[in-house]
N, C-alpha and C. Protein backbone atom coordinates (compact mmCIF):
# COMPACT_ATOMS: atom_id res chain seq x y z
N MET A 1 -14.59 18.80 -21.10
CA MET A 1 -15.22 18.23 -19.67
C MET A 1 -14.09 17.03 -19.19
N LYS A 2 -13.59 16.60 -18.22
CA LYS A 2 -13.28 15.20 -17.62
C LYS A 2 -13.47 14.08 -17.74
N ARG A 3 -13.19 13.14 -17.57
CA ARG A 3 -13.75 11.24 -17.48
C ARG A 3 -13.11 10.19 -17.05
N ILE A 4 -13.60 9.78 -16.50
CA ILE A 4 -12.84 8.74 -15.17
C ILE A 4 -12.36 7.51 -16.23
N ALA A 5 -11.61 6.46 -16.46
CA ALA A 5 -11.59 5.83 -17.93
C ALA A 5 -10.59 4.48 -16.98
N VAL A 6 -10.51 3.58 -17.13
CA VAL A 6 -9.99 2.39 -17.42
C VAL A 6 -9.56 1.43 -18.33
N MET A 7 -8.57 1.43 -18.64
CA MET A 7 -7.90 0.93 -20.18
C MET A 7 -7.25 -0.44 -19.40
N SER A 8 -8.23 -1.18 -19.95
CA SER A 8 -6.91 -3.07 -19.86
C SER A 8 -6.62 -3.39 -21.38
N ALA A 9 -5.40 -3.87 -21.14
CA ALA A 9 -4.67 -4.30 -22.48
C ALA A 9 -3.84 -4.73 -21.96
N ILE A 10 -3.98 -6.57 -23.41
CA ILE A 10 -3.98 -8.07 -23.24
C ILE A 10 -2.39 -7.88 -24.59
N LEU A 11 -1.29 -7.99 -24.22
CA LEU A 11 -0.28 -7.76 -25.06
C LEU A 11 0.45 -9.55 -25.14
N GLU A 12 -0.04 -9.57 -26.68
CA GLU A 12 0.32 -11.41 -26.72
C GLU A 12 1.23 -11.60 -27.29
N GLN A 13 2.16 -10.60 -27.53
CA GLN A 13 3.74 -10.66 -27.86
C GLN A 13 4.40 -9.84 -27.98
N PRO A 14 4.27 -10.05 -25.78
CA PRO A 14 4.84 -8.54 -25.00
C PRO A 14 6.22 -8.49 -25.84
N GLU A 15 6.91 -8.91 -25.75
CA GLU A 15 8.32 -8.80 -26.54
C GLU A 15 8.31 -8.32 -27.79
N ALA A 16 7.53 -8.49 -28.95
CA ALA A 16 7.26 -7.74 -30.61
C ALA A 16 6.78 -6.52 -29.58
N VAL A 17 5.82 -6.15 -28.88
CA VAL A 17 4.69 -5.06 -29.49
C VAL A 17 5.44 -4.00 -27.61
N GLN A 18 5.67 -4.23 -27.11
CA GLN A 18 6.05 -3.88 -25.71
C GLN A 18 6.57 -2.23 -25.73
N SER A 19 7.82 -2.07 -26.29
CA SER A 19 8.27 -0.97 -26.68
C SER A 19 7.34 0.12 -27.06
N GLU A 20 7.05 -0.56 -28.18
CA GLU A 20 5.99 0.91 -28.94
C GLU A 20 5.27 1.24 -28.06
N PHE A 21 4.41 0.13 -27.77
CA PHE A 21 3.52 0.50 -26.75
C PHE A 21 3.85 1.23 -25.42
N ASN A 22 4.98 1.07 -24.82
CA ASN A 22 5.15 2.02 -23.66
C ASN A 22 5.44 3.56 -24.42
N GLU A 23 5.98 3.70 -25.53
CA GLU A 23 6.43 4.74 -26.39
C GLU A 23 4.79 5.40 -26.47
N LEU A 24 3.88 4.62 -26.76
CA LEU A 24 2.61 5.64 -27.41
C LEU A 24 2.20 5.71 -25.65
N VAL A 25 1.89 4.90 -24.80
CA VAL A 25 1.39 5.40 -23.29
C VAL A 25 2.43 7.07 -22.41
N ALA A 26 3.62 6.74 -22.99
CA ALA A 26 4.54 7.79 -22.61
C ALA A 26 3.85 9.03 -22.74
N GLY A 27 3.71 9.05 -24.32
CA GLY A 27 3.21 10.52 -24.70
C GLY A 27 1.57 10.76 -24.56
N PHE A 28 0.91 10.30 -23.48
CA PHE A 28 -0.61 10.41 -22.73
C PHE A 28 0.20 10.85 -20.92
N LYS A 29 1.25 10.78 -20.91
CA LYS A 29 1.91 10.49 -19.55
C LYS A 29 0.97 11.95 -18.84
N GLY A 30 0.47 12.89 -19.20
CA GLY A 30 -0.61 13.99 -18.64
C GLY A 30 -2.00 13.43 -18.31
N ILE A 31 -2.58 12.50 -19.08
CA ILE A 31 -3.72 12.06 -18.86
C ILE A 31 -3.90 11.01 -17.45
N ILE A 32 -2.63 10.10 -17.69
CA ILE A 32 -2.50 8.93 -16.58
C ILE A 32 -2.01 8.96 -15.59
N LYS A 33 -3.10 8.69 -14.71
CA LYS A 33 -3.00 8.50 -13.31
C LYS A 33 -2.23 6.72 -11.86
N GLY A 34 -2.12 6.21 -12.64
CA GLY A 34 -2.12 4.84 -12.59
C GLY A 34 -1.53 3.31 -13.76
N ARG A 35 -0.37 2.86 -13.46
CA ARG A 35 -0.29 2.12 -14.21
C ARG A 35 -0.44 0.71 -13.61
N MET A 36 -0.33 -0.82 -14.14
CA MET A 36 -0.04 -1.63 -13.37
C MET A 36 0.30 -2.66 -14.28
N GLY A 37 1.02 -3.50 -14.41
CA GLY A 37 1.86 -4.25 -15.23
C GLY A 37 1.85 -5.76 -15.31
N LEU A 38 1.18 -6.94 -15.59
CA LEU A 38 1.85 -7.90 -14.80
C LEU A 38 2.02 -9.47 -15.77
N PRO A 39 3.13 -9.32 -15.91
CA PRO A 39 3.65 -10.78 -16.60
C PRO A 39 3.78 -11.82 -16.82
N LEU A 40 2.59 -12.30 -17.29
CA LEU A 40 2.19 -13.55 -17.66
C LEU A 40 3.45 -14.48 -18.12
N SER A 41 4.43 -14.39 -17.65
CA SER A 41 5.00 -15.27 -18.66
C SER A 41 5.52 -16.87 -18.93
N GLU A 42 4.49 -17.30 -18.49
CA GLU A 42 3.70 -19.17 -18.43
C GLU A 42 2.82 -19.03 -19.51
N HIS A 43 2.50 -18.07 -19.23
CA HIS A 43 0.88 -18.15 -20.82
C HIS A 43 1.73 -17.14 -21.92
N GLY A 44 3.06 -16.47 -21.98
CA GLY A 44 3.13 -15.40 -22.71
C GLY A 44 2.86 -14.43 -22.75
N VAL A 45 1.58 -13.89 -22.17
CA VAL A 45 1.40 -12.55 -22.33
C VAL A 45 1.38 -11.32 -21.02
N THR A 46 1.55 -10.51 -21.60
CA THR A 46 1.18 -9.22 -20.14
C THR A 46 0.02 -8.61 -20.12
N VAL A 47 -0.09 -8.35 -19.21
CA VAL A 47 -1.53 -7.68 -18.54
C VAL A 47 -1.28 -6.59 -18.03
N ILE A 48 -2.08 -5.20 -18.34
CA ILE A 48 -1.99 -4.11 -18.06
C ILE A 48 -3.65 -3.52 -17.90
N SER A 49 -2.84 -2.52 -17.09
CA SER A 49 -4.08 -1.40 -16.29
C SER A 49 -3.86 -0.27 -16.54
N ILE A 50 -4.37 0.48 -16.37
CA ILE A 50 -3.85 2.23 -16.41
C ILE A 50 -5.17 2.38 -15.75
N THR A 51 -4.87 3.18 -15.26
CA THR A 51 -6.22 4.19 -14.77
C THR A 51 -6.02 5.67 -15.95
N LEU A 52 -7.07 6.21 -16.58
CA LEU A 52 -7.22 8.31 -16.83
C LEU A 52 -7.91 8.44 -16.15
N VAL A 53 -7.32 10.18 -16.66
CA VAL A 53 -8.45 11.38 -16.09
C VAL A 53 -8.48 12.99 -16.78
N GLY A 54 -9.17 12.53 -18.29
CA GLY A 54 -8.70 13.17 -19.30
C GLY A 54 -9.49 13.58 -19.95
N GLU A 55 -9.90 14.06 -21.00
CA GLU A 55 -10.68 14.69 -22.66
C GLU A 55 -11.27 13.37 -22.89
N LEU A 56 -12.67 13.28 -23.56
CA LEU A 56 -12.51 12.04 -23.60
C LEU A 56 -12.27 11.96 -24.94
N ASP A 57 -12.01 12.87 -26.12
CA ASP A 57 -10.96 12.54 -27.20
C ASP A 57 -9.62 12.40 -26.93
N ASP A 58 -8.90 11.89 -25.63
CA ASP A 58 -7.36 11.84 -25.52
C ASP A 58 -8.07 10.15 -24.91
N ILE A 59 -8.99 9.61 -24.53
CA ILE A 59 -8.84 9.12 -24.13
C ILE A 59 -8.89 8.14 -25.26
N ASN A 60 -10.14 8.17 -26.05
CA ASN A 60 -9.86 7.32 -27.10
C ASN A 60 -8.93 7.26 -28.06
N THR A 61 -8.26 8.89 -28.11
CA THR A 61 -7.37 8.48 -28.95
C THR A 61 -6.14 7.22 -28.56
N LEU A 62 -5.59 7.68 -27.02
CA LEU A 62 -4.65 6.34 -27.15
C LEU A 62 -5.18 5.46 -26.59
N THR A 63 -6.95 4.79 -26.91
CA THR A 63 -6.63 4.12 -26.72
C THR A 63 -6.97 2.92 -28.57
N GLY A 64 -7.29 3.90 -29.24
CA GLY A 64 -6.97 3.81 -30.47
C GLY A 64 -6.15 3.32 -31.08
N LYS A 65 -4.93 4.11 -30.17
CA LYS A 65 -3.49 4.27 -31.23
C LYS A 65 -3.14 2.28 -30.18
N LEU A 66 -3.32 2.35 -29.00
CA LEU A 66 -3.12 1.39 -28.74
C LEU A 66 -3.53 -0.18 -29.44
N GLY A 67 -5.14 -0.18 -30.24
CA GLY A 67 -5.47 -1.16 -30.10
C GLY A 67 -4.89 -1.57 -31.86
N LYS A 68 -4.13 -0.65 -32.58
CA LYS A 68 -4.32 -0.80 -33.66
C LYS A 68 -2.79 -1.95 -33.78
N LEU A 69 -1.65 -1.64 -32.43
CA LEU A 69 -0.78 -2.37 -32.09
C LEU A 69 -0.93 -3.73 -32.29
N LYS A 70 -0.22 -4.49 -33.75
CA LYS A 70 -0.20 -5.97 -33.94
C LYS A 70 0.16 -6.64 -32.50
N GLY A 71 -1.14 -7.56 -32.44
CA GLY A 71 -1.00 -8.42 -30.98
C GLY A 71 -1.52 -7.82 -29.43
N ALA A 72 -1.61 -6.82 -29.67
CA ALA A 72 -2.18 -6.15 -28.55
C ALA A 72 -3.82 -6.09 -29.05
N SER A 73 -4.59 -5.51 -27.81
CA SER A 73 -5.48 -6.47 -27.48
C SER A 73 -6.53 -5.34 -26.54
N VAL A 74 -7.01 -4.51 -26.50
CA VAL A 74 -7.35 -3.58 -25.99
C VAL A 74 -9.07 -2.98 -25.70
N LYS A 75 -9.34 -2.64 -24.16
CA LYS A 75 -10.57 -1.98 -23.90
C LYS A 75 -10.64 -0.95 -23.20
N THR A 76 -11.70 -0.11 -22.77
CA THR A 76 -11.59 1.23 -22.34
C THR A 76 -12.91 1.08 -21.86
N SER A 77 -12.82 1.50 -20.60
CA SER A 77 -14.51 1.48 -19.38
C SER A 77 -14.30 3.20 -19.47
N VAL A 78 -15.79 4.28 -19.66
CA VAL A 78 -15.32 5.23 -19.25
C VAL A 78 -16.31 5.59 -18.34
N SER A 79 -15.62 6.41 -17.64
CA SER A 79 -17.29 6.50 -16.11
C SER A 79 -18.17 7.88 -16.93
N LYS A 80 -19.46 7.65 -17.00
CA LYS A 80 -20.85 8.65 -17.55
C LYS A 80 -20.11 9.87 -16.89
N LYS A 81 -19.56 10.18 -15.63
CA LYS A 81 -19.45 11.28 -14.78
C LYS A 81 -18.86 12.00 -15.13
N THR A 82 -18.35 13.22 -15.31
CA THR A 82 -17.15 14.31 -15.19
C THR A 82 -16.80 15.10 -14.61
N VAL A 83 -15.74 15.06 -14.70
CA VAL A 83 -15.06 15.43 -13.34
C VAL A 83 -14.07 17.07 -13.77
């Protein structure tokens, strides 16, 4: 059963982690429905929001992999409703 989720990420060292972050996200393109990134260069961070529709295991796997990146803070909210 699939769920709808929204993931938020703050890259505190965007120059160092952006490439690896993008590679990981690309590996899950099948469950990604939308992505918005806001570079806040005046603060030295990038804020990213990703909308997902997929199996809970896939959503959790992506969240876990991204959360292990040094300089990245990642949180995900998952709907209770299945689709």
